[in-house]
Amino acid sequence: MATIEELEKRLEKLEAIDDIKRLKSRYAQIVDGLSDLSFEECFTEDAVWDLGTAGKVEGRKAIGELFKKVPEVQPFSVHYFVQAELEVDGNEAVGKWYEWLAATQGDGRAVWTAGIEEEEYRKVGGRWLISALKLTPIFRTPYEEGWHKVRFTD
């Protein structure tokens, strides 16, 4: 039978996982323009946002500045993050999410996108924040063609 201390540690991990899932949900809402919260509120001061061929940005302020350009590049989006794999170790955690995205690009073209986001998290001031995010694209394809006819990554 588990001791009280063991049960407390298990409960802390479960609460951390739940908090990180809420953070990811908040992140998606902000990216999709469905929240008035600041994008920067999701990241640590020293965070790294690596979007593969779209570039890599370091630091909360730089990430916030890059995000201000998203409406020009992608004026409409609906992000779905599913199949979360989260591992918590004290005040640090790692996660992996499948991303599914319906979006309209700045040129008016509708696209489907799929990818994998690997993340690192850190608990700062009692709140879980993203300290590193790396996107690995699986495909991005025109809506009209679908991923079975045309796959591209740029």
N, C-alpha and C. Protein backbone atom coordinates (compact mmCIF):
# COMPACT_ATOMS: atom_id res chain seq x y z
N MET A 1 0.83 -1.18 0.00
CA MET A 1 0.00 0.00 0.00
C MET A 1 0.88 1.25 0.00
N ALA A 2 0.48 2.25 -0.76
CA ALA A 2 1.25 3.49 -0.89
C ALA A 2 1.19 4.31 0.40
N THR A 3 2.31 4.97 0.68
CA THR A 3 2.36 5.85 1.84
C THR A 3 1.71 7.19 1.48
N ILE A 4 1.43 7.97 2.49
CA ILE A 4 0.87 9.31 2.27
C ILE A 4 1.82 10.14 1.41
N GLU A 5 3.11 10.05 1.67
CA GLU A 5 4.10 10.81 0.90
C GLU A 5 4.09 10.40 -0.57
N GLU A 6 3.99 9.09 -0.83
CA GLU A 6 3.93 8.60 -2.22
C GLU A 6 2.67 9.09 -2.92
N LEU A 7 1.56 9.05 -2.20
CA LEU A 7 0.29 9.53 -2.78
C LEU A 7 0.35 11.03 -3.05
N GLU A 8 0.98 11.79 -2.16
CA GLU A 8 1.12 13.24 -2.36
C GLU A 8 1.94 13.53 -3.61
N LYS A 9 3.03 12.78 -3.82
CA LYS A 9 3.87 12.97 -5.00
C LYS A 9 3.10 12.64 -6.27
N ARG A 10 2.33 11.55 -6.24
CA ARG A 10 1.52 11.18 -7.40
C ARG A 10 0.48 12.25 -7.69
N LEU A 11 -0.14 12.78 -6.65
CA LEU A 11 -1.14 13.83 -6.82
C LEU A 11 -0.50 15.09 -7.40
N GLU A 12 0.69 15.46 -6.92
CA GLU A 12 1.40 16.62 -7.46
C GLU A 12 1.68 16.45 -8.95
N LYS A 13 2.09 15.27 -9.37
CA LYS A 13 2.36 15.01 -10.79
C LYS A 13 1.08 15.13 -11.60
N LEU A 14 -0.01 14.56 -11.11
CA LEU A 14 -1.28 14.64 -11.83
C LEU A 14 -1.77 16.09 -11.94
N GLU A 15 -1.60 16.86 -10.88
CA GLU A 15 -1.98 18.28 -10.92
C GLU A 15 -1.10 19.04 -11.90
N ALA A 16 0.19 18.72 -11.95
CA ALA A 16 1.10 19.36 -12.89
C ALA A 16 0.70 19.04 -14.32
N ILE A 17 0.38 17.79 -14.59
CA ILE A 17 -0.05 17.40 -15.94
C ILE A 17 -1.31 18.15 -16.33
N ASP A 18 -2.26 18.27 -15.41
CA ASP A 18 -3.49 19.01 -15.70
C ASP A 18 -3.18 20.48 -15.96
N ASP A 19 -2.30 21.08 -15.16
CA ASP A 19 -1.93 22.49 -15.36
C ASP A 19 -1.27 22.69 -16.73
N ILE A 20 -0.41 21.76 -17.13
CA ILE A 20 0.27 21.87 -18.42
C ILE A 20 -0.72 21.72 -19.57
N LYS A 21 -1.69 20.84 -19.42
CA LYS A 21 -2.74 20.72 -20.45
C LYS A 21 -3.54 22.01 -20.58
N ARG A 22 -3.81 22.66 -19.46
CA ARG A 22 -4.52 23.95 -19.50
C ARG A 22 -3.65 25.02 -20.16
N LEU A 23 -2.36 25.00 -19.88
CA LEU A 23 -1.43 25.93 -20.51
C LEU A 23 -1.46 25.74 -22.02
N LYS A 24 -1.45 24.51 -22.49
CA LYS A 24 -1.46 24.23 -23.92
C LYS A 24 -2.78 24.69 -24.55
N SER A 25 -3.87 24.51 -23.84
CA SER A 25 -5.17 24.97 -24.32
C SER A 25 -5.18 26.50 -24.43
N ARG A 26 -4.64 27.17 -23.43
CA ARG A 26 -4.55 28.64 -23.44
C ARG A 26 -3.67 29.11 -24.60
N TYR A 27 -2.57 28.42 -24.82
CA TYR A 27 -1.67 28.72 -25.93
C TYR A 27 -2.43 28.65 -27.26
N ALA A 28 -3.18 27.57 -27.46
CA ALA A 28 -3.94 27.40 -28.71
C ALA A 28 -4.97 28.51 -28.88
N GLN A 29 -5.66 28.87 -27.81
CA GLN A 29 -6.66 29.93 -27.89
C GLN A 29 -6.02 31.27 -28.26
N ILE A 30 -4.85 31.53 -27.70
CA ILE A 30 -4.15 32.78 -28.01
C ILE A 30 -3.69 32.78 -29.47
N VAL A 31 -3.07 31.68 -29.92
CA VAL A 31 -2.59 31.58 -31.30
C VAL A 31 -3.74 31.76 -32.29
N ASP A 32 -4.91 31.23 -31.94
CA ASP A 32 -6.06 31.30 -32.83
C ASP A 32 -6.85 32.61 -32.69
N GLY A 33 -6.37 33.53 -31.86
CA GLY A 33 -7.04 34.82 -31.70
C GLY A 33 -8.33 34.73 -30.91
N LEU A 34 -8.48 33.71 -30.08
CA LEU A 34 -9.72 33.51 -29.32
C LEU A 34 -9.58 33.91 -27.86
N SER A 35 -8.50 34.59 -27.53
CA SER A 35 -8.26 35.01 -26.15
C SER A 35 -7.58 36.38 -26.15
N ASP A 36 -7.90 37.16 -25.14
CA ASP A 36 -7.26 38.48 -24.99
C ASP A 36 -5.95 38.38 -24.23
N LEU A 37 -5.60 37.20 -23.78
CA LEU A 37 -4.35 37.04 -23.04
C LEU A 37 -3.16 37.30 -23.96
N SER A 38 -2.06 37.65 -23.36
CA SER A 38 -0.82 37.88 -24.10
C SER A 38 -0.14 36.55 -24.40
N PHE A 39 0.32 36.41 -25.62
CA PHE A 39 1.04 35.21 -26.03
C PHE A 39 2.26 34.98 -25.15
N GLU A 40 2.90 36.07 -24.77
CA GLU A 40 4.12 35.97 -23.96
C GLU A 40 3.86 35.34 -22.60
N GLU A 41 2.62 35.40 -22.11
CA GLU A 41 2.29 34.85 -20.80
C GLU A 41 2.47 33.34 -20.73
N CYS A 42 2.61 32.68 -21.86
CA CYS A 42 2.76 31.22 -21.88
C CYS A 42 4.21 30.78 -21.77
N PHE A 43 5.17 31.71 -21.85
CA PHE A 43 6.58 31.35 -21.97
C PHE A 43 7.44 31.90 -20.83
N THR A 44 8.53 31.17 -20.55
CA THR A 44 9.52 31.66 -19.60
C THR A 44 10.32 32.78 -20.26
N GLU A 45 11.03 33.54 -19.45
CA GLU A 45 11.83 34.66 -19.98
C GLU A 45 12.86 34.19 -21.01
N ASP A 46 13.43 33.00 -20.80
CA ASP A 46 14.50 32.50 -21.67
C ASP A 46 14.00 31.45 -22.67
N ALA A 47 12.71 31.44 -22.94
CA ALA A 47 12.12 30.41 -23.80
C ALA A 47 12.70 30.43 -25.21
N VAL A 48 12.65 29.26 -25.85
CA VAL A 48 13.06 29.09 -27.25
C VAL A 48 11.86 28.56 -28.01
N TRP A 49 11.52 29.21 -29.13
CA TRP A 49 10.41 28.81 -29.99
C TRP A 49 11.01 28.44 -31.34
N ASP A 50 11.08 27.15 -31.62
CA ASP A 50 11.72 26.63 -32.83
C ASP A 50 10.65 26.10 -33.77
N LEU A 51 10.39 26.82 -34.86
CA LEU A 51 9.37 26.42 -35.82
C LEU A 51 9.98 25.84 -37.07
N GLY A 52 11.12 25.21 -36.94
CA GLY A 52 11.75 24.54 -38.08
C GLY A 52 12.08 25.51 -39.19
N THR A 53 11.56 25.27 -40.40
CA THR A 53 11.88 26.10 -41.55
C THR A 53 11.34 27.52 -41.41
N ALA A 54 10.39 27.74 -40.49
CA ALA A 54 9.84 29.09 -40.29
C ALA A 54 10.70 29.93 -39.36
N GLY A 55 11.72 29.33 -38.74
CA GLY A 55 12.64 30.10 -37.92
C GLY A 55 12.65 29.70 -36.46
N LYS A 56 13.63 30.26 -35.77
CA LYS A 56 13.84 29.99 -34.35
C LYS A 56 13.99 31.32 -33.64
N VAL A 57 13.30 31.47 -32.52
CA VAL A 57 13.32 32.73 -31.77
C VAL A 57 13.65 32.41 -30.32
N GLU A 58 14.48 33.24 -29.70
CA GLU A 58 14.85 33.03 -28.31
C GLU A 58 14.45 34.22 -27.46
N GLY A 59 13.84 33.93 -26.32
CA GLY A 59 13.43 34.95 -25.37
C GLY A 59 11.95 35.31 -25.50
N ARG A 60 11.32 35.51 -24.35
CA ARG A 60 9.89 35.81 -24.29
C ARG A 60 9.52 37.02 -25.12
N LYS A 61 10.28 38.09 -25.02
CA LYS A 61 9.95 39.30 -25.77
C LYS A 61 10.05 39.08 -27.28
N ALA A 62 11.09 38.39 -27.72
CA ALA A 62 11.25 38.11 -29.15
C ALA A 62 10.12 37.21 -29.66
N ILE A 63 9.72 36.25 -28.85
CA ILE A 63 8.59 35.39 -29.22
C ILE A 63 7.33 36.23 -29.36
N GLY A 64 7.11 37.14 -28.42
CA GLY A 64 5.95 38.02 -28.48
C GLY A 64 5.96 38.90 -29.72
N GLU A 65 7.14 39.41 -30.09
CA GLU A 65 7.24 40.24 -31.30
C GLU A 65 6.95 39.43 -32.55
N LEU A 66 7.47 38.21 -32.61
CA LEU A 66 7.20 37.35 -33.75
C LEU A 66 5.70 37.04 -33.85
N PHE A 67 5.09 36.79 -32.71
CA PHE A 67 3.67 36.45 -32.71
C PHE A 67 2.81 37.59 -33.24
N LYS A 68 3.24 38.82 -33.04
CA LYS A 68 2.46 39.96 -33.55
C LYS A 68 2.31 39.91 -35.07
N LYS A 69 3.21 39.20 -35.75
CA LYS A 69 3.17 39.09 -37.21
C LYS A 69 2.29 37.94 -37.70
N VAL A 70 1.85 37.08 -36.79
CA VAL A 70 1.06 35.91 -37.18
C VAL A 70 -0.21 36.28 -37.96
N PRO A 71 -0.98 37.31 -37.57
CA PRO A 71 -2.19 37.63 -38.34
C PRO A 71 -1.93 37.96 -39.81
N GLU A 72 -0.75 38.49 -40.13
CA GLU A 72 -0.41 38.77 -41.53
C GLU A 72 -0.12 37.48 -42.29
N VAL A 73 0.58 36.57 -41.65
CA VAL A 73 1.01 35.32 -42.27
C VAL A 73 -0.09 34.27 -42.25
N GLN A 74 -0.90 34.31 -41.19
CA GLN A 74 -1.95 33.31 -40.98
C GLN A 74 -3.15 33.99 -40.31
N PRO A 75 -4.01 34.66 -41.10
CA PRO A 75 -5.10 35.44 -40.51
C PRO A 75 -6.20 34.60 -39.86
N PHE A 76 -6.27 33.31 -40.18
CA PHE A 76 -7.26 32.44 -39.56
C PHE A 76 -6.61 31.11 -39.24
N SER A 77 -6.89 30.58 -38.05
CA SER A 77 -6.40 29.25 -37.69
C SER A 77 -7.23 28.64 -36.58
N VAL A 78 -7.28 27.33 -36.61
CA VAL A 78 -7.87 26.55 -35.53
C VAL A 78 -6.89 25.41 -35.25
N HIS A 79 -6.23 25.50 -34.09
CA HIS A 79 -5.25 24.50 -33.69
C HIS A 79 -5.90 23.44 -32.80
N TYR A 80 -5.57 22.20 -33.06
CA TYR A 80 -5.94 21.10 -32.19
C TYR A 80 -4.64 20.43 -31.76
N PHE A 81 -4.47 20.29 -30.45
CA PHE A 81 -3.31 19.57 -29.92
C PHE A 81 -3.83 18.35 -29.19
N VAL A 82 -3.41 17.18 -29.63
CA VAL A 82 -3.96 15.94 -29.08
C VAL A 82 -2.85 14.95 -28.76
N GLN A 83 -3.23 13.85 -28.16
CA GLN A 83 -2.34 12.75 -27.81
C GLN A 83 -1.14 13.22 -27.01
N ALA A 84 -1.42 13.97 -25.97
CA ALA A 84 -0.35 14.50 -25.12
C ALA A 84 0.40 13.39 -24.40
N GLU A 85 1.71 13.48 -24.45
CA GLU A 85 2.59 12.64 -23.65
C GLU A 85 3.35 13.59 -22.75
N LEU A 86 3.10 13.54 -21.46
CA LEU A 86 3.72 14.48 -20.52
C LEU A 86 4.43 13.72 -19.41
N GLU A 87 5.66 14.15 -19.14
CA GLU A 87 6.46 13.58 -18.05
C GLU A 87 6.89 14.72 -17.14
N VAL A 88 6.59 14.60 -15.86
CA VAL A 88 6.89 15.64 -14.89
C VAL A 88 7.97 15.15 -13.94
N ASP A 89 8.94 16.03 -13.68
CA ASP A 89 10.00 15.74 -12.73
C ASP A 89 10.22 17.00 -11.89
N GLY A 90 9.55 17.07 -10.77
CA GLY A 90 9.66 18.25 -9.91
C GLY A 90 9.07 19.48 -10.57
N ASN A 91 9.90 20.52 -10.72
CA ASN A 91 9.47 21.77 -11.33
C ASN A 91 9.79 21.85 -12.82
N GLU A 92 10.11 20.72 -13.42
CA GLU A 92 10.37 20.66 -14.86
C GLU A 92 9.56 19.53 -15.46
N ALA A 93 9.25 19.68 -16.75
CA ALA A 93 8.48 18.65 -17.43
C ALA A 93 8.80 18.69 -18.92
N VAL A 94 8.48 17.61 -19.61
CA VAL A 94 8.60 17.55 -21.06
C VAL A 94 7.28 17.03 -21.61
N GLY A 95 6.98 17.44 -22.84
CA GLY A 95 5.75 17.01 -23.46
C GLY A 95 5.88 16.87 -24.95
N LYS A 96 4.97 16.07 -25.51
CA LYS A 96 4.91 15.86 -26.95
C LYS A 96 3.44 15.86 -27.33
N TRP A 97 3.10 16.64 -28.35
CA TRP A 97 1.73 16.79 -28.80
C TRP A 97 1.66 16.62 -30.31
N TYR A 98 0.59 15.99 -30.80
CA TYR A 98 0.30 16.04 -32.22
C TYR A 98 -0.49 17.31 -32.48
N GLU A 99 -0.12 18.02 -33.53
CA GLU A 99 -0.81 19.25 -33.92
C GLU A 99 -1.61 18.98 -35.20
N TRP A 100 -2.84 19.40 -35.21
CA TRP A 100 -3.70 19.37 -36.40
C TRP A 100 -4.23 20.78 -36.55
N LEU A 101 -4.09 21.35 -37.75
CA LEU A 101 -4.40 22.76 -37.94
C LEU A 101 -5.13 22.99 -39.25
N ALA A 102 -6.24 23.70 -39.17
CA ALA A 102 -6.91 24.24 -40.34
C ALA A 102 -6.62 25.74 -40.32
N ALA A 103 -6.14 26.27 -41.45
CA ALA A 103 -5.74 27.68 -41.45
C ALA A 103 -5.91 28.32 -42.81
N THR A 104 -5.90 29.65 -42.79
CA THR A 104 -5.84 30.44 -44.01
C THR A 104 -4.53 31.21 -43.96
N GLN A 105 -3.73 31.08 -44.99
CA GLN A 105 -2.45 31.79 -45.07
C GLN A 105 -2.69 33.24 -45.49
N GLY A 106 -1.66 34.05 -45.37
CA GLY A 106 -1.74 35.46 -45.73
C GLY A 106 -2.10 35.68 -47.19
N ASP A 107 -1.79 34.73 -48.06
CA ASP A 107 -2.12 34.86 -49.48
C ASP A 107 -3.55 34.40 -49.79
N GLY A 108 -4.32 34.05 -48.74
CA GLY A 108 -5.70 33.64 -48.92
C GLY A 108 -5.90 32.16 -49.15
N ARG A 109 -4.82 31.41 -49.22
CA ARG A 109 -4.90 29.97 -49.48
C ARG A 109 -5.24 29.22 -48.19
N ALA A 110 -6.27 28.36 -48.25
CA ALA A 110 -6.63 27.52 -47.11
C ALA A 110 -5.73 26.29 -47.11
N VAL A 111 -5.25 25.91 -45.92
CA VAL A 111 -4.34 24.78 -45.81
C VAL A 111 -4.71 23.90 -44.62
N TRP A 112 -4.33 22.65 -44.74
CA TRP A 112 -4.32 21.70 -43.63
C TRP A 112 -2.86 21.54 -43.21
N THR A 113 -2.61 21.45 -41.94
CA THR A 113 -1.26 21.25 -41.44
C THR A 113 -1.27 20.21 -40.33
N ALA A 114 -0.26 19.37 -40.32
CA ALA A 114 -0.08 18.43 -39.21
C ALA A 114 1.39 18.48 -38.80
N GLY A 115 1.63 18.30 -37.52
CA GLY A 115 3.00 18.30 -37.04
C GLY A 115 3.07 17.74 -35.63
N ILE A 116 4.27 17.72 -35.11
CA ILE A 116 4.51 17.28 -33.74
C ILE A 116 5.21 18.42 -33.02
N GLU A 117 4.68 18.80 -31.86
CA GLU A 117 5.32 19.81 -31.03
C GLU A 117 5.91 19.12 -29.81
N GLU A 118 7.22 19.28 -29.67
CA GLU A 118 7.92 18.78 -28.48
C GLU A 118 8.24 19.99 -27.62
N GLU A 119 7.91 19.88 -26.35
CA GLU A 119 8.04 21.04 -25.47
C GLU A 119 8.75 20.69 -24.17
N GLU A 120 9.33 21.73 -23.59
CA GLU A 120 9.87 21.66 -22.24
C GLU A 120 9.13 22.70 -21.43
N TYR A 121 8.89 22.39 -20.16
CA TYR A 121 8.14 23.29 -19.29
C TYR A 121 8.91 23.50 -18.00
N ARG A 122 8.64 24.64 -17.38
CA ARG A 122 9.25 24.94 -16.10
C ARG A 122 8.20 25.65 -15.24
N LYS A 123 8.16 25.28 -13.98
CA LYS A 123 7.25 25.93 -13.04
C LYS A 123 7.96 27.16 -12.48
N VAL A 124 7.38 28.33 -12.73
CA VAL A 124 7.97 29.59 -12.31
C VAL A 124 6.91 30.37 -11.53
N GLY A 125 7.23 30.73 -10.30
CA GLY A 125 6.28 31.50 -9.50
C GLY A 125 4.94 30.78 -9.33
N GLY A 126 5.00 29.46 -9.24
CA GLY A 126 3.79 28.68 -9.05
C GLY A 126 3.00 28.37 -10.32
N ARG A 127 3.50 28.83 -11.47
CA ARG A 127 2.79 28.60 -12.75
C ARG A 127 3.68 27.83 -13.71
N TRP A 128 3.07 26.88 -14.44
CA TRP A 128 3.79 26.16 -15.48
C TRP A 128 3.85 27.02 -16.73
N LEU A 129 5.05 27.11 -17.32
CA LEU A 129 5.28 27.88 -18.54
C LEU A 129 6.08 27.04 -19.53
N ILE A 130 5.98 27.38 -20.79
CA ILE A 130 6.76 26.71 -21.83
C ILE A 130 8.16 27.32 -21.83
N SER A 131 9.18 26.49 -21.73
CA SER A 131 10.55 26.99 -21.79
C SER A 131 11.21 26.67 -23.13
N ALA A 132 10.66 25.70 -23.86
CA ALA A 132 11.15 25.39 -25.21
C ALA A 132 10.03 24.71 -25.98
N LEU A 133 9.90 25.08 -27.24
CA LEU A 133 8.90 24.48 -28.12
C LEU A 133 9.56 24.24 -29.46
N LYS A 134 9.46 23.01 -29.95
CA LYS A 134 10.02 22.67 -31.26
C LYS A 134 8.93 22.00 -32.09
N LEU A 135 8.65 22.59 -33.25
CA LEU A 135 7.66 22.05 -34.17
C LEU A 135 8.37 21.26 -35.27
N THR A 136 7.92 20.03 -35.46
CA THR A 136 8.39 19.21 -36.57
C THR A 136 7.19 18.98 -37.48
N PRO A 137 7.18 19.61 -38.67
CA PRO A 137 6.04 19.45 -39.57
C PRO A 137 5.95 18.03 -40.13
N ILE A 138 4.73 17.53 -40.26
CA ILE A 138 4.49 16.26 -40.94
C ILE A 138 4.03 16.58 -42.37
N PHE A 139 3.08 17.51 -42.49
CA PHE A 139 2.69 18.00 -43.81
C PHE A 139 1.94 19.32 -43.69
N ARG A 140 1.92 20.04 -44.77
CA ARG A 140 1.08 21.22 -44.96
C ARG A 140 0.63 21.14 -46.40
N THR A 141 -0.65 21.20 -46.62
CA THR A 141 -1.17 20.96 -47.95
C THR A 141 -2.37 21.85 -48.24
N PRO A 142 -2.59 22.22 -49.49
CA PRO A 142 -3.76 23.05 -49.81
C PRO A 142 -5.06 22.31 -49.46
N TYR A 143 -6.00 23.03 -48.92
CA TYR A 143 -7.30 22.46 -48.55
C TYR A 143 -7.94 21.74 -49.73
N GLU A 144 -7.92 22.37 -50.88
CA GLU A 144 -8.61 21.81 -52.06
C GLU A 144 -7.97 20.51 -52.54
N GLU A 145 -6.69 20.37 -52.37
CA GLU A 145 -5.97 19.19 -52.85
C GLU A 145 -5.95 18.07 -51.82
N GLY A 146 -5.86 18.44 -50.56
CA GLY A 146 -5.76 17.44 -49.51
C GLY A 146 -4.38 16.82 -49.44
N TRP A 147 -4.05 16.24 -48.30
CA TRP A 147 -2.72 15.68 -48.07
C TRP A 147 -2.45 14.45 -48.92
N HIS A 148 -3.49 13.85 -49.47
CA HIS A 148 -3.26 12.65 -50.28
C HIS A 148 -2.81 12.98 -51.70
N LYS A 149 -2.99 14.25 -52.14
CA LYS A 149 -2.55 14.65 -53.48
C LYS A 149 -1.29 15.51 -53.45
N VAL A 150 -1.23 16.45 -52.53
CA VAL A 150 -0.10 17.39 -52.48
C VAL A 150 0.37 17.53 -51.03
N ARG A 151 1.67 17.24 -50.82
CA ARG A 151 2.29 17.47 -49.51
C ARG A 151 3.47 18.40 -49.69
N PHE A 152 3.51 19.45 -48.91
CA PHE A 152 4.67 20.34 -48.95
C PHE A 152 4.96 20.81 -47.55
N THR A 153 6.17 21.27 -47.30
CA THR A 153 6.55 21.68 -45.96
C THR A 153 7.00 23.12 -45.89
N ASP A 154 7.04 23.84 -47.00
CA ASP A 154 7.45 25.25 -46.91
C ASP A 154 6.29 26.16 -47.20
